[in-house]
Amino acid sequence: MSKVEEKDIQNQSTTNNNKNDVKVSNQFSFTFNFGDSLNLVALIAGIYLIKNLKKRRNRKKIKAVD
């Protein structure tokens, strides 16, 4: 190959048309119907009490092991 041909090959522009179309449609709905607000308050209070009872029980078990 001659030098002129090598320069022509190097100077040729190459074009890559890469097109990526990504469309994401995520829909997430989370609905609770508790009815009375009193039921909701009772539910929250119950969860709180159960957590506290678990903590107390675990503390007693740890003390008993020591």
N, C-alpha and C. Protein backbone atom coordinates (compact mmCIF):
# COMPACT_ATOMS: atom_id res chain seq x y z
N MET A 1 0.84 -1.18 0.00
CA MET A 1 0.00 0.00 0.00
C MET A 1 0.88 1.24 0.00
N SER A 2 0.45 2.19 -0.70
CA SER A 2 1.23 3.43 -0.73
C SER A 2 0.81 4.31 0.44
N LYS A 3 1.61 5.28 0.71
CA LYS A 3 1.33 6.18 1.83
C LYS A 3 0.06 6.97 1.61
N VAL A 4 -0.23 7.30 0.37
CA VAL A 4 -1.43 8.07 0.07
C VAL A 4 -2.68 7.23 0.39
N GLU A 5 -2.65 5.96 0.04
CA GLU A 5 -3.79 5.09 0.30
C GLU A 5 -3.99 4.91 1.82
N GLU A 6 -2.89 4.79 2.56
CA GLU A 6 -3.00 4.64 4.01
C GLU A 6 -3.62 5.88 4.64
N LYS A 7 -3.22 7.08 4.17
CA LYS A 7 -3.78 8.32 4.70
C LYS A 7 -5.27 8.42 4.38
N ASP A 8 -5.65 7.98 3.17
CA ASP A 8 -7.06 8.02 2.79
C ASP A 8 -7.89 7.12 3.70
N ILE A 9 -7.35 5.95 4.00
CA ILE A 9 -8.07 5.02 4.87
C ILE A 9 -8.18 5.59 6.28
N GLN A 10 -7.13 6.20 6.77
CA GLN A 10 -7.15 6.76 8.11
C GLN A 10 -8.06 7.98 8.20
N ASN A 11 -8.17 8.74 7.11
CA ASN A 11 -8.96 9.96 7.13
C ASN A 11 -10.45 9.72 6.88
N GLN A 12 -10.79 8.53 6.46
CA GLN A 12 -12.20 8.25 6.22
C GLN A 12 -12.95 8.27 7.56
N SER A 13 -14.04 8.97 7.57
CA SER A 13 -14.81 9.03 8.81
C SER A 13 -15.77 7.84 8.85
N THR A 14 -15.85 7.27 10.02
CA THR A 14 -16.80 6.18 10.20
C THR A 14 -17.93 6.68 11.08
N THR A 15 -19.11 6.31 10.73
CA THR A 15 -20.28 6.77 11.46
C THR A 15 -21.02 5.56 12.00
N ASN A 16 -21.25 5.58 13.28
CA ASN A 16 -22.06 4.54 13.92
C ASN A 16 -23.32 5.20 14.43
N ASN A 17 -24.43 4.76 13.92
CA ASN A 17 -25.72 5.27 14.41
C ASN A 17 -26.29 4.25 15.37
N ASN A 18 -25.98 4.45 16.63
CA ASN A 18 -26.51 3.57 17.67
C ASN A 18 -27.58 4.33 18.43
N LYS A 19 -28.75 3.82 18.40
CA LYS A 19 -29.84 4.51 19.07
C LYS A 19 -30.53 3.53 20.02
N ASN A 20 -30.58 3.90 21.27
CA ASN A 20 -31.24 3.07 22.27
C ASN A 20 -32.43 3.83 22.83
N ASP A 21 -33.59 3.29 22.63
CA ASP A 21 -34.80 3.88 23.19
C ASP A 21 -35.27 2.99 24.33
N VAL A 22 -35.26 3.55 25.54
CA VAL A 22 -35.71 2.79 26.70
C VAL A 22 -36.84 3.57 27.36
N LYS A 23 -37.97 2.94 27.43
CA LYS A 23 -39.12 3.58 28.08
C LYS A 23 -39.57 2.68 29.21
N VAL A 24 -39.58 3.25 30.40
CA VAL A 24 -39.98 2.48 31.57
C VAL A 24 -41.18 3.16 32.21
N SER A 25 -42.19 2.39 32.43
CA SER A 25 -43.38 2.92 33.07
C SER A 25 -43.70 2.06 34.27
N ASN A 26 -43.26 2.50 35.44
CA ASN A 26 -43.53 1.78 36.68
C ASN A 26 -44.63 2.48 37.45
N GLN A 27 -45.65 1.74 37.75
CA GLN A 27 -46.73 2.30 38.56
C GLN A 27 -46.90 1.43 39.78
N PHE A 28 -46.91 2.06 40.92
CA PHE A 28 -47.04 1.33 42.18
C PHE A 28 -48.04 2.06 43.04
N SER A 29 -49.10 1.40 43.37
CA SER A 29 -50.09 2.02 44.23
C SER A 29 -50.31 1.13 45.45
N PHE A 30 -50.41 1.76 46.58
CA PHE A 30 -50.53 1.06 47.85
C PHE A 30 -51.65 1.72 48.62
N THR A 31 -52.75 1.04 48.77
CA THR A 31 -53.92 1.65 49.38
C THR A 31 -54.38 0.82 50.58
N PHE A 32 -54.58 1.51 51.68
CA PHE A 32 -55.15 0.89 52.87
C PHE A 32 -56.42 1.63 53.23
N ASN A 33 -57.42 0.91 53.56
CA ASN A 33 -58.64 1.53 54.04
C ASN A 33 -58.89 0.99 55.44
N PHE A 34 -58.57 1.78 56.45
CA PHE A 34 -58.68 1.34 57.83
C PHE A 34 -60.07 1.59 58.42
N GLY A 35 -60.89 2.29 57.73
CA GLY A 35 -62.22 2.58 58.27
C GLY A 35 -62.14 3.70 59.28
N ASP A 36 -62.28 3.37 60.53
CA ASP A 36 -62.24 4.39 61.58
C ASP A 36 -60.80 4.77 61.90
N SER A 37 -60.60 5.98 62.28
CA SER A 37 -59.27 6.39 62.72
C SER A 37 -58.92 5.72 64.04
N LEU A 38 -59.94 5.35 64.80
CA LEU A 38 -59.72 4.66 66.07
C LEU A 38 -59.05 3.30 65.83
N ASN A 39 -59.45 2.62 64.77
CA ASN A 39 -58.81 1.34 64.43
C ASN A 39 -57.34 1.54 64.09
N LEU A 40 -57.05 2.60 63.40
CA LEU A 40 -55.67 2.90 63.03
C LEU A 40 -54.83 3.18 64.28
N VAL A 41 -55.38 3.95 65.20
CA VAL A 41 -54.67 4.26 66.44
C VAL A 41 -54.45 2.98 67.25
N ALA A 42 -55.43 2.13 67.30
CA ALA A 42 -55.31 0.86 68.03
C ALA A 42 -54.24 -0.03 67.39
N LEU A 43 -54.18 -0.05 66.07
CA LEU A 43 -53.18 -0.84 65.37
C LEU A 43 -51.76 -0.35 65.68
N ILE A 44 -51.57 0.95 65.63
CA ILE A 44 -50.26 1.53 65.92
C ILE A 44 -49.86 1.26 67.37
N ALA A 45 -50.80 1.43 68.28
CA ALA A 45 -50.53 1.18 69.70
C ALA A 45 -50.21 -0.31 69.93
N GLY A 46 -50.90 -1.19 69.26
CA GLY A 46 -50.63 -2.61 69.39
C GLY A 46 -49.24 -2.98 68.90
N ILE A 47 -48.84 -2.44 67.78
CA ILE A 47 -47.49 -2.70 67.25
C ILE A 47 -46.44 -2.19 68.22
N TYR A 48 -46.67 -1.00 68.78
CA TYR A 48 -45.73 -0.41 69.73
C TYR A 48 -45.60 -1.29 70.98
N LEU A 49 -46.73 -1.75 71.49
CA LEU A 49 -46.70 -2.59 72.69
C LEU A 49 -46.01 -3.92 72.44
N ILE A 50 -46.26 -4.51 71.29
CA ILE A 50 -45.63 -5.80 70.97
C ILE A 50 -44.11 -5.63 70.87
N LYS A 51 -43.66 -4.54 70.25
CA LYS A 51 -42.22 -4.30 70.16
C LYS A 51 -41.60 -4.13 71.54
N ASN A 52 -42.27 -3.38 72.40
CA ASN A 52 -41.74 -3.17 73.76
C ASN A 52 -41.70 -4.48 74.54
N LEU A 53 -42.73 -5.32 74.41
CA LEU A 53 -42.74 -6.59 75.11
C LEU A 53 -41.60 -7.51 74.62
N LYS A 54 -41.34 -7.48 73.35
CA LYS A 54 -40.23 -8.27 72.80
C LYS A 54 -38.89 -7.81 73.37
N LYS A 55 -38.72 -6.49 73.45
CA LYS A 55 -37.47 -5.95 73.99
C LYS A 55 -37.28 -6.36 75.44
N ARG A 56 -38.35 -6.25 76.23
CA ARG A 56 -38.26 -6.64 77.65
C ARG A 56 -37.95 -8.12 77.80
N ARG A 57 -38.59 -8.93 76.98
CA ARG A 57 -38.37 -10.38 77.05
C ARG A 57 -36.92 -10.72 76.70
N ASN A 58 -36.38 -10.05 75.66
CA ASN A 58 -35.00 -10.30 75.26
C ASN A 58 -34.03 -9.85 76.35
N ARG A 59 -34.32 -8.75 77.00
CA ARG A 59 -33.44 -8.27 78.08
C ARG A 59 -33.44 -9.26 79.24
N LYS A 60 -34.61 -9.81 79.56
CA LYS A 60 -34.69 -10.79 80.66
C LYS A 60 -33.91 -12.05 80.31
N LYS A 61 -33.98 -12.48 79.04
CA LYS A 61 -33.23 -13.66 78.63
C LYS A 61 -31.74 -13.42 78.71
N ILE A 62 -31.29 -12.23 78.33
CA ILE A 62 -29.86 -11.91 78.37
C ILE A 62 -29.39 -11.88 79.82
N LYS A 63 -30.18 -11.29 80.71
CA LYS A 63 -29.81 -11.24 82.14
C LYS A 63 -29.78 -12.64 82.75
N ALA A 64 -30.71 -13.47 82.34
CA ALA A 64 -30.77 -14.83 82.88
C ALA A 64 -29.57 -15.65 82.43
N VAL A 65 -29.06 -15.42 81.25
CA VAL A 65 -27.90 -16.14 80.74
C VAL A 65 -26.65 -15.71 81.49
N ASP A 66 -26.55 -14.41 81.80
CA ASP A 66 -25.37 -13.91 82.52
C ASP A 66 -25.40 -14.42 83.93
